[in-house]
Structure formats: C-alpha cells, structure tokens
Amino acid sequence: MKYAIISDIHANLEALQAVVEDAAPRADAFVCLGDIVGYNANPIECIHIIQSLCPVTVIGNHDLAAVGLRPYNDFNPYAQAAIDWTREQLSSSDIAYLEALPMCAPFGIDQTYLAAHGSPRHTDEYLFQAQRIQANFMYMRQFEPNIHCCFVGHTHVPMIWECTADGILLTVETINADAVELDSTSTYIVNPGSVGQPRNGNPASSYIILDDAAQTITYRGVHYDILAAQDKIYDAMLPMPLAERLEIGR
C-alpha cells in the first residue's frame, strides 16, 4: 500500500490540484494532516476535494478557528483576516465536515501510522526544537506504543526525526527526492511540508509518498500556477503579503 500524505493545503486550489495530479499515479490512498483552509482563496473547493479524496483526515488549527472551535486572536493579522473571510464563505455542511474531523487518526493495515496536525500531543504544537521532539517520542512510547511513524504538519517545513531503539534522536539533514528507508526498530515523526504555503524557501508544493511494503518515504516537490493563486487572493481582497509569500516559499 502506498499513501500520499499531504498537509497544510490552506485553500490553495491550484497547489492542491497539481499535487493530486502528481500523486494519483503513485499512491493507492491519500491522507491529509489538516489545515485545509486559511490564508488562500478557495476554501470550499479544497474542502470538497479533501472530503472526497482522503479517507483519513485530521483537523488543523486554522480549520478549528474557521469553525469557531478555537480563538484566533493569537494568529498574525494576515492570518486573522483570512480566517474572518473564510468564515463568511463556509456553508453549514462545510462547517459540519470540519467540526467532525478528529485531532489524530491511526491508519495502515496494522494501524502503525498516526496522522496528526501539530504533534501527537496537541494540534497547535510546533515541532522545531529537539527537546519538544524528544518529549513527543516519549509521549508516543507511553500512549501510542503501536505507532511506528507519526506524520505531522503545522510548521510547513519538511522534516524527518528518528528515535532509535536506544532512545537516540536523529534528524535526516537533507530532504531530497531520494527514498528514505525506515528502520523497523526505530520510531519516526515525519513532516511532509506544505501543499498550499511552503515555508522552506522553495515555492513548490511538498508532500510525501509512504510505501508501506518497502518501508520508505519519498518527498515530492510539485510546481503549480502560483500567479493564478495570487490573483485569487487579490480578487478576494485578502492581505497582499499572503500572495507575495507564495512565490518565495516563506
């Protein structure tokens, strides 16, 4: 079984369509790690695609904010404006779909994979610092001992962390198109990067293919029509920096 694991679509229809087209011949199923909405100008279309495409989807912090399940006064002003606008676009059925999404969801034949947004501990947790990453591995060992690999989004930055059987924390320093082999004795936390608003300095959408049989992870970078996505942001009168950042991947 091969899974296309996507995250942080953020209402970027052009990016999502390009990723789906790239992944469809490579994957048997899709998994979404949340933040379907926010920042960009096609929340409804993206919700409908994810709803029909992904049997496993978890809720993100922007999804929570868009349906009133989370305050968003801690968002930056541009993100706040996008949520205000998004809340005006969503239908009752769109809201019901987002509200029903779980915080975490196991998947795979033996349920050894876990989908989460920020971390297995919390939707809003950012996993950058080694101390937090180590704490999450300890959490998984205690509360999710069956999980071999947890997939998270939220930071919009592709990353792979490995915790060996001896408890040593390792990081895959270079993310490229080469397949990364998973050690059966280790536990992993993997971030596929963002479809709709990359922040790793590369404007291409990022996602991964998880090959369950081969036990490999392969990153995919997909170029999309950034100008079209930017024009929609301008037309919706969303903050201009939300459009400008797409072309630099920040």
Foldseek 3Di string as FASTA:
>chain_A
DKEWEAEQQAQQVQLVVQVCVVCVVPGPAYAYQENQHFLFFHSPVSLVCCVVGHPHYAYAPLLCLLLVNDPDPVPPPLRVLRSVLSNVVDDPVSSVVRVPGHQKDFDDPQSQEMRHEQAPVDRQHHPDDPVVVLVRVVVCVVPVVSHQEYEYENVLEWWKWKQALVRDIDTDPDADQDKDARDPRIHMYTYQGHSHAAAPQDLFGKIWMQDPVRRIIGIDTGDGDLVVRLVSCVVSVRDNVSSVRNVGRD
